[in-house]
C-alpha atoms as a PDB file:
ATOM      1  CA  MET A   1      12.958  14.836  24.760  1.00  0.00           C
ATOM      2  CA  GLN A   2      14.818  14.404  21.538  1.00  0.00           C
ATOM      3  CA  ASP A   3      17.960  16.253  20.721  1.00  0.00           C
ATOM      4  CA  MET A   4      17.034  17.320  16.281  1.00  0.00           C
ATOM      5  CA  GLY A   5      19.961  18.943  16.283  1.00  0.00           C
ATOM      6  CA  SER A   6      21.762  15.342  16.147  1.00  0.00           C
ATOM      7  CA  ALA A   7      21.895  12.799  13.397  1.00  0.00           C
ATOM      8  CA  ARG A   8      19.831  10.280  15.490  1.00  0.00           C
ATOM      9  CA  TYR A   9      17.092  12.065  15.423  1.00  0.00           C
ATOM     10  CA  ASP A  10      17.073  12.990  11.699  1.00  0.00           C
ATOM     11  CA  PRO A  11      13.606  12.255   9.771  1.00  0.00           C
ATOM     12  CA  ARG A  12      14.545  11.742   6.243  1.00  0.00           C
ATOM     13  CA  PRO A  13      15.866   8.355   5.665  1.00  0.00           C
ATOM     14  CA  LEU A  14      12.923   7.298   7.139  1.00  0.00           C
ATOM     15  CA  LEU A  15      10.638   8.944   4.718  1.00  0.00           C
ATOM     16  CA  PRO A  16      10.752   7.189   2.426  1.00  0.00           C
ATOM     17  CA  LEU A  17      10.620   3.395   4.436  1.00  0.00           C
ATOM     18  CA  VAL A  18       7.695   4.570   6.331  1.00  0.00           C
ATOM     19  CA  ASN A  19       5.605   6.280   3.825  1.00  0.00           C
ATOM     20  CA  GLY A  20       2.289   4.863   2.702  1.00  0.00           C
ATOM     21  CA  LEU A  21       2.230   1.812   5.096  1.00  0.00           C
ATOM     22  CA  THR A  22      -0.097   1.022   7.762  1.00  0.00           C
ATOM     23  CA  VAL A  23       1.509   0.781  10.790  1.00  0.00           C
ATOM     24  CA  LEU A  24      -0.551  -1.406  14.315  1.00  0.00           C
ATOM     25  CA  VAL A  25       0.935   0.430  17.505  1.00  0.00           C
ATOM     26  CA  VAL A  26       0.070  -2.215  20.361  1.00  0.00           C
ATOM     27  CA  ASP A  27       1.229  -0.685  24.019  1.00  0.00           C
ATOM     28  CA  ASP A  28      -0.874  -0.537  26.827  1.00  0.00           C
ATOM     29  CA  ASP A  29       0.773   2.904  27.867  1.00  0.00           C
ATOM     30  CA  GLU A  30      -1.047   6.231  26.292  1.00  0.00           C
ATOM     31  CA  PHE A  31       1.933   7.641  25.760  1.00  0.00           C
ATOM     32  CA  ILE A  32       4.500   5.444  24.200  1.00  0.00           C
ATOM     33  CA  ARG A  33       1.013   4.768  21.867  1.00  0.00           C
ATOM     34  CA  GLU A  34      -0.082   8.217  21.305  1.00  0.00           C
ATOM     35  CA  SER A  35       4.161   9.763  20.795  1.00  0.00           C
ATOM     36  CA  THR A  36       4.321   6.520  18.789  1.00  0.00           C
ATOM     37  CA  ARG A  37       1.711   7.513  16.639  1.00  0.00           C
ATOM     38  CA  LEU A  38       2.686  10.951  15.876  1.00  0.00           C
ATOM     39  CA  LEU A  39       5.795   9.907  14.672  1.00  0.00           C
ATOM     40  CA  LEU A  40       4.431   7.811  12.246  1.00  0.00           C
ATOM     41  CA  GLU A  41       2.138  10.070  11.135  1.00  0.00           C
ATOM     42  CA  ASP A  42       4.578  12.627  10.160  1.00  0.00           C
ATOM     43  CA  LEU A  43       6.867  10.093   8.112  1.00  0.00           C
ATOM     44  CA  GLY A  44       3.540   9.476   6.852  1.00  0.00           C
ATOM     45  CA  ALA A  45       2.587   6.405   7.739  1.00  0.00           C
ATOM     46  CA  ARG A  46      -1.567   5.580   8.151  1.00  0.00           C
ATOM     47  CA  VAL A  47      -1.581   4.560  12.234  1.00  0.00           C
ATOM     48  CA  VAL A  48      -3.866   2.045  14.145  1.00  0.00           C
ATOM     49  CA  THR A  49      -4.182   1.441  18.121  1.00  0.00           C
ATOM     50  CA  ALA A  50      -4.688  -0.303  20.328  1.00  0.00           C
ATOM     51  CA  PRO A  51      -4.003  -0.845  24.550  1.00  0.00           C
ATOM     52  CA  ASP A  52      -3.611  -4.879  24.000  1.00  0.00           C
ATOM     53  CA  GLY A  53      -2.515  -7.698  21.689  1.00  0.00           C
ATOM     54  CA  ALA A  54      -6.308  -9.007  22.027  1.00  0.00           C
ATOM     55  CA  ILE A  55      -8.177  -5.704  20.864  1.00  0.00           C
ATOM     56  CA  ALA A  56      -4.663  -5.637  18.150  1.00  0.00           C
ATOM     57  CA  PHE A  57      -6.154  -9.500  17.256  1.00  0.00           C
ATOM     58  CA  ASP A  58      -9.442  -7.961  16.202  1.00  0.00           C
ATOM     59  CA  LEU A  59      -8.263  -5.224  14.151  1.00  0.00           C
ATOM     60  CA  LEU A  60      -5.884  -6.647  11.602  1.00  0.00           C
ATOM     61  CA  GLY A  61      -9.504  -8.132   9.789  1.00  0.00           C
ATOM     62  CA  THR A  62     -10.631  -4.484   9.306  1.00  0.00           C
ATOM     63  CA  TYR A  63      -7.079  -2.760   8.446  1.00  0.00           C
ATOM     64  CA  ALA A  64      -4.655  -5.035   7.286  1.00  0.00           C
ATOM     65  CA  PRO A  65      -1.814  -3.308   8.739  1.00  0.00           C
ATOM     66  CA  ASP A  66       1.804  -3.786   6.589  1.00  0.00           C
ATOM     67  CA  LEU A  67       3.866  -3.031  10.009  1.00  0.00           C
ATOM     68  CA  ILE A  68       3.109  -4.524  13.597  1.00  0.00           C
ATOM     69  CA  LEU A  69       4.564  -2.819  16.579  1.00  0.00           C
ATOM     70  CA  SER A  70       4.063  -4.589  19.456  1.00  0.00           C
ATOM     71  CA  ASP A  71       4.700  -4.214  23.290  1.00  0.00           C
ATOM     72  CA  LEU A  72       5.991  -7.384  25.445  1.00  0.00           C
ATOM     73  CA  ASP A  73       4.276  -6.372  28.713  1.00  0.00           C
ATOM     74  CA  MET A  74       0.457  -5.973  28.310  1.00  0.00           C
ATOM     75  CA  PRO A  75      -2.650  -7.696  30.165  1.00  0.00           C
ATOM     76  CA  ARG A  76      -5.271  -9.818  28.479  1.00  0.00           C
ATOM     77  CA  MET A  77      -3.056 -10.519  25.897  1.00  0.00           C
ATOM     78  CA  ASP A  78       0.726  -9.888  25.815  1.00  0.00           C
ATOM     79  CA  GLY A  79       3.073  -9.256  22.860  1.00  0.00           C
ATOM     80  CA  TYR A  80       4.477 -12.733  23.276  1.00  0.00           C
ATOM     81  CA  GLN A  81       0.537 -14.262  22.927  1.00  0.00           C
ATOM     82  CA  LEU A  82      -0.005 -11.997  20.151  1.00  0.00           C
ATOM     83  CA  VAL A  83       2.600 -12.810  17.890  1.00  0.00           C
ATOM     84  CA  GLU A  84       2.415 -16.644  18.609  1.00  0.00           C
ATOM     85  CA  ARG A  85      -1.509 -16.142  17.156  1.00  0.00           C
ATOM     86  CA  LEU A  86      -0.405 -14.546  14.442  1.00  0.00           C
ATOM     87  CA  ARG A  87       2.159 -17.328  13.004  1.00  0.00           C
ATOM     88  CA  ARG A  88      -0.870 -19.651  13.510  1.00  0.00           C
ATOM     89  CA  ASP A  89      -3.525 -17.658  11.120  1.00  0.00           C
ATOM     90  CA  PRO A  90      -2.371 -18.926   7.607  1.00  0.00           C
ATOM     91  CA  ALA A  91      -3.508 -15.792   6.577  1.00  0.00           C
ATOM     92  CA  ARG A  92      -1.785 -13.330   8.517  1.00  0.00           C
ATOM     93  CA  ALA A  93       1.880 -14.888   9.336  1.00  0.00           C
ATOM     94  CA  ARG A  94       3.153 -13.126   7.056  1.00  0.00           C
ATOM     95  CA  VAL A  95       3.121 -10.046   8.673  1.00  0.00           C
ATOM     96  CA  PRO A  96       6.139  -8.507  10.008  1.00  0.00           C
ATOM     97  CA  VAL A  97       5.940  -7.721  13.819  1.00  0.00           C
ATOM     98  CA  VAL A  98       8.284  -6.187  15.897  1.00  0.00           C
ATOM     99  CA  ALA A  99       9.295  -6.079  19.310  1.00  0.00           C
ATOM    100  CA  ILE A 100       9.141  -2.685  21.329  1.00  0.00           C
ATOM    101  CA  SER A 101      10.596  -3.041  24.730  1.00  0.00           C
ATOM    102  CA  ALA A 102      12.318  -1.625  27.796  1.00  0.00           C
ATOM    103  CA  TYR A 103      14.699  -4.364  27.910  1.00  0.00           C
ATOM    104  CA  ALA A 104      17.274  -4.042  24.360  1.00  0.00           C
ATOM    105  CA  ASN A 105      20.121  -6.423  25.390  1.00  0.00           C
ATOM    106  CA  PRO A 106      21.126  -9.021  23.398  1.00  0.00           C
ATOM    107  CA  ALA A 107      18.828 -11.906  25.469  1.00  0.00           C
ATOM    108  CA  GLU A 108      15.571 -10.313  25.370  1.00  0.00           C
ATOM    109  CA  ARG A 109      16.471  -9.732  21.920  1.00  0.00           C
ATOM    110  CA  ASP A 110      17.231 -13.837  21.134  1.00  0.00           C
ATOM    111  CA  ARG A 111      14.123 -14.478  23.375  1.00  0.00           C
ATOM    112  CA  THR A 112      11.610 -12.536  21.088  1.00  0.00           C
ATOM    113  CA  VAL A 113      12.831 -13.196  17.502  1.00  0.00           C
ATOM    114  CA  GLY A 114      12.820 -16.728  19.473  1.00  0.00           C
ATOM    115  CA  ALA A 115       9.435 -16.476  19.722  1.00  0.00           C
ATOM    116  CA  GLY A 116       8.499 -15.234  16.056  1.00  0.00           C
ATOM    117  CA  PHE A 117       9.048 -11.626  15.689  1.00  0.00           C
ATOM    118  CA  ASP A 118      10.402 -10.574  13.339  1.00  0.00           C
ATOM    119  CA  GLU A 119      12.891  -7.205  15.048  1.00  0.00           C
ATOM    120  CA  HIS A 120      13.228  -6.089  18.738  1.00  0.00           C
ATOM    121  CA  LEU A 121      13.473  -2.646  19.537  1.00  0.00           C
ATOM    122  CA  GLY A 122      14.309  -0.918  22.545  1.00  0.00           C
ATOM    123  CA  LYS A 123      12.550   2.174  23.938  1.00  0.00           C
ATOM    124  CA  PRO A 124      12.317   4.975  23.980  1.00  0.00           C
ATOM    125  CA  PHE A 125      14.151   4.353  20.516  1.00  0.00           C
ATOM    126  CA  ASP A 126      14.842   7.259  18.064  1.00  0.00           C
ATOM    127  CA  TYR A 127      15.144   7.898  13.950  1.00  0.00           C
ATOM    128  CA  ALA A 128      18.105   5.638  13.922  1.00  0.00           C
ATOM    129  CA  GLY A 129      17.034   2.526  15.807  1.00  0.00           C
ATOM    130  CA  LEU A 130      13.707   2.739  13.850  1.00  0.00           C
ATOM    131  CA  ARG A 131      15.052   2.737  10.169  1.00  0.00           C
ATOM    132  CA  LYS A 132      17.697   0.348  10.929  1.00  0.00           C
ATOM    133  CA  VAL A 133      15.008  -2.469  12.308  1.00  0.00           C
ATOM    134  CA  LEU A 134      12.730  -0.798   9.308  1.00  0.00           C
ATOM    135  CA  THR A 135      15.202  -1.839   6.502  1.00  0.00           C
ATOM    136  CA  THR A 136      16.178  -5.243   8.329  1.00  0.00           C
ATOM    137  CA  VAL A 137      12.723  -6.164   8.746  1.00  0.00           C
ATOM    138  CA  MET A 138      11.363  -4.426   4.945  1.00  0.00           C
ATOM    139  CA  ARG A 139      14.863  -6.893   3.301  1.00  0.00           C
ATOM    140  CA  ARG A 140      13.311 -10.514   4.324  1.00  0.00           C
ATOM    141  CA  GLN A 141       9.352  -9.024   3.250  1.00  0.00           C
ATOM    142  CA  ARG A 142       9.602  -8.690  -0.771  1.00  0.00           C
ATOM    143  CA  GLU A 143       6.509  -8.254  -1.224  1.00  0.00           C
ATOM    144  CA  LEU A 144       6.817  -5.075   1.225  1.00  0.00           C
ATOM    145  CA  PHE A 145      10.140  -3.815  -0.123  1.00  0.00           C
ATOM    146  CA  ALA A 146       9.085  -3.642  -3.240  1.00  0.00           C
ATOM    147  CA  ARG A 147       5.901  -1.401  -2.628  1.00  0.00           C
ATOM    148  CA  GLN A 148       8.663   0.927  -0.603  1.00  0.00           C
ATOM    149  CA  LEU A 149      11.452   0.548  -3.580  1.00  0.00           C
ATOM    150  CA  GLY A 150      10.183   3.295  -5.746  1.00  0.00           C
ATOM    151  CA  ARG A 151       9.580   5.345  -2.668  1.00  0.00           C
ATOM    152  CA  LEU A 152      13.879   5.064  -1.945  1.00  0.00           C
ATOM    153  CA  ARG A 153      14.958   5.642  -5.376  1.00  0.00           C
ATOM    154  CA  ALA A 154      12.850   8.830  -5.546  1.00  0.00           C
ATOM    155  CA  PHE A 155      14.065   9.968  -2.459  1.00  0.00           C
ATOM    156  CA  ALA A 156      17.738   8.726  -3.306  1.00  0.00           C
ATOM    157  CA  LYS A 157      17.390  11.232  -6.060  1.00  0.00           C
ATOM    158  CA  ARG A 158      16.726  13.164  -5.162  1.00  0.00           C
ATOM    159  CA  ALA A 159      19.056  13.500  -2.536  1.00  0.00           C
ATOM    160  CA  ARG A 160      21.168  13.538  -5.152  1.00  0.00           C
ATOM    161  CA  LEU A 161      20.065  16.620  -6.741  1.00  0.00           C
ATOM    162  CA  THR A 162      20.147  17.987  -3.675  1.00  0.00           C
ATOM    163  CA  ALA A 163      23.687  17.924  -2.694  1.00  0.00           C
ATOM    164  CA  ARG A 164      24.725  18.666  -6.396  1.00  0.00           C
ATOM    165  CA  LYS A 165      23.206  21.909  -6.431  1.00  0.00           C
ATOM    166  CA  ARG A 166      25.011  22.712  -2.675  1.00  0.00           C
ATOM    167  CA  ARG A 167      27.651  21.638  -4.366  1.00  0.00           C
ATOM    168  CA  ARG A 168      27.312  24.801  -7.249  1.00  0.00           C
ATOM    169  CA  ASP A 169      25.698  27.479  -5.311  1.00  0.00           C
ATOM    170  CA  PHE A 170      28.956  26.725  -3.554  1.00  0.00           C
ATOM    171  CA  ARG A 171      31.262  27.118  -6.438  1.00  0.00           C
ATOM    172  CA  LEU A 172      29.008  30.299  -8.100  1.00  0.00           C
ATOM    173  CA  GLY A 173      29.511  31.751  -4.484  1.00  0.00           C
ATOM    174  CA  LEU A 174      32.969  31.515  -3.926  1.00  0.00           C
ATOM    175  CA  ARG A 175      33.232  32.918  -7.951  1.00  0.00           C
ATOM    176  CA  ARG A 176      30.887  36.219  -7.005  1.00  0.00           C
ATOM    177  CA  ALA A 177      32.231  36.903  -3.726  1.00  0.00           C
ATOM    178  CA  ARG A 178      35.401  39.574  -4.419  1.00  0.00           C
ATOM    179  CA  LYS A 179      37.758  40.763  -1.848  1.00  0.00           C
ATOM    180  CA  VAL A 180      38.030  44.948  -1.837  1.00  0.00           C
ATOM    181  CA  PRO A 181      41.417  46.508  -1.660  1.00  0.00           C
ATOM    182  CA  ALA A 182      42.573  46.506   1.363  1.00  0.00           C
ATOM    183  CA  THR A 183      41.901  49.345   2.812  1.00  0.00           C
ATOM    184  CA  PRO A 184      42.781  50.937   6.676  1.00  0.00           C
ATOM    185  CA  LEU A 185      38.804  52.333   6.602  1.00  0.00           C
ATOM    186  CA  PRO A 186      36.416  49.742   9.073  1.00  0.00           C
ATOM    187  CA  CYS A 187      33.230  47.459   8.338  1.00  0.00           C
ATOM    188  CA  ARG A 188      30.113  48.829   8.907  1.00  0.00           C
ATOM    189  CA  CYS A 189      29.695  46.983  11.283  1.00  0.00           C
ATOM    190  CA  GLY A 190      32.706  48.924  13.328  1.00  0.00           C
ATOM    191  CA  ALA A 191      35.049  45.746  13.090  1.00  0.00           C
ATOM    192  CA  PRO A 192      39.071  46.949  12.457  1.00  0.00           C
ATOM    193  CA  ALA A 193      39.608  44.780   9.321  1.00  0.00           C
ATOM    194  CA  GLU A 194      41.944  44.452   6.641  1.00  0.00           C
ATOM    195  CA  THR A 195      40.417  41.782   4.104  1.00  0.00           C
ATOM    196  CA  LEU A 196      36.701  43.387   3.428  1.00  0.00           C
ATOM    197  CA  TRP A 197      34.347  41.149   1.253  1.00  0.00           C
ATOM    198  CA  GLN A 198      32.086  42.807  -0.930  1.00  0.00           C
ATOM    199  CA  CYS A 199      28.604  42.754  -0.629  1.00  0.00           C
ATOM    200  CA  ALA A 200      26.282  40.944  -3.196  1.00  0.00           C
ATOM    201  CA  ASP A 201      23.412  43.335  -3.134  1.00  0.00           C
ATOM    202  CA  CYS A 202      24.906  46.831  -2.445  1.00  0.00           C
ATOM    203  CA  THR A 203      28.076  46.469  -3.070  1.00  0.00           C
ATOM    204  CA  GLY A 204      29.714  47.676   0.419  1.00  0.00           C
ATOM    205  CA  PRO A 205      32.459  46.271   2.889  1.00  0.00           C
ATOM    206  CA  CYS A 206      31.604  43.901   4.806  1.00  0.00           C
ATOM    207  CA  CYS A 207      34.656  42.198   7.293  1.00  0.00           C
ATOM    208  CA  PRO A 208      34.243  38.179   7.889  1.00  0.00           C
ATOM    209  CA  VAL A 209      32.678  38.586  11.405  1.00  0.00           C
ATOM    210  CA  CYS A 210      29.552  39.729   9.462  1.00  0.00           C
ATOM    211  CA  ALA A 211      29.659  38.591   6.340  1.00  0.00           C
ATOM    212  CA  PHE A 212      27.032  35.727   5.908  1.00  0.00           C
ATOM    213  CA  ARG A 213      26.114  33.783   2.937  1.00  0.00           C
ATOM    214  CA  LEU A 214      22.977  32.974   1.397  1.00  0.00           C
ATOM    215  CA  ASP A 215      21.845  31.862  -1.979  1.00  0.00           C
ATOM    216  CA  GLY A 216      25.235  30.521  -2.652  1.00  0.00           C
ATOM    217  CA  SER A 217      26.105  34.670  -2.154  1.00  0.00           C
ATOM    218  CA  LEU A 218      27.983  36.658   0.673  1.00  0.00           C
ATOM    219  CA  TYR A 219      25.610  39.964   2.202  1.00  0.00           C
ATOM    220  CA  CYS A 220      26.728  42.271   4.641  1.00  0.00           C
ATOM    221  CA  MET A 221      24.608  41.958   7.937  1.00  0.00           C
ATOM    222  CA  THR A 222      22.239  45.437   6.850  1.00  0.00           C
ATOM    223  CA  CYS A 223      21.007  43.245   2.887  1.00  0.00           C
ATOM    224  CA  ALA A 224      21.442  39.720   5.486  1.00  0.00           C
ATOM    225  CA  ASP A 225      18.807  41.212   7.825  1.00  0.00           C
ATOM    226  CA  ARG A 226      16.526  42.639   4.947  1.00  0.00           C
ATOM    227  CA  ARG A 227      16.729  39.373   2.870  1.00  0.00           C
ATOM    228  CA  LEU A 228      15.974  37.172   6.093  1.00  0.00           C
ATOM    229  CA  ALA A 229      12.905  39.597   6.823  1.00  0.00           C
ATOM    230  CA  ALA A 230      11.440  39.541   3.002  1.00  0.00           C
END
């Protein structure tokens, strides 16, 4: 269902936002409830689910969620009735509620925000959409944002250190890679090449076709396969 190679489905920027939160997911579609639960649990959230607004409201006293993701069209008590009841309750009026709907046009968003929802998220949603909505919600919820701020700072620090290490490894790899003098002999892979590189492991020649960069160094196909299998 999701192309994990796309930046839209990169979960890493969401981790510090979601990790440690208690999230109540309200939807009468069991597939949507379970898929959303699994997505959020993978990001470190504690997830509670409910099939309609009436059950969700009964669960509030037990679990005290930090965030509610609610469908709009549900039996017994729909999303609009749920958020209306929440906003009338002084103890729960400030709980952030995000509407989840298949209709994500501007008119529908204006309607949900006007009804008391903090944000509107179209479904099926991706990591990028969820991150955008949660960032907006948390900026309005000072206490919730302050609680997650430590995780956000730690995440940013780890990202900077990782980028710095990758740049350092790349520079080291370029310094270690040495060209072998031009030779008419073919590389061990059988491809004739005038410019050959020296393997950092066995020091044998390897051409640009079969050279692999691992740990900041260049390896021939044989040595790369052996290292990957170790």
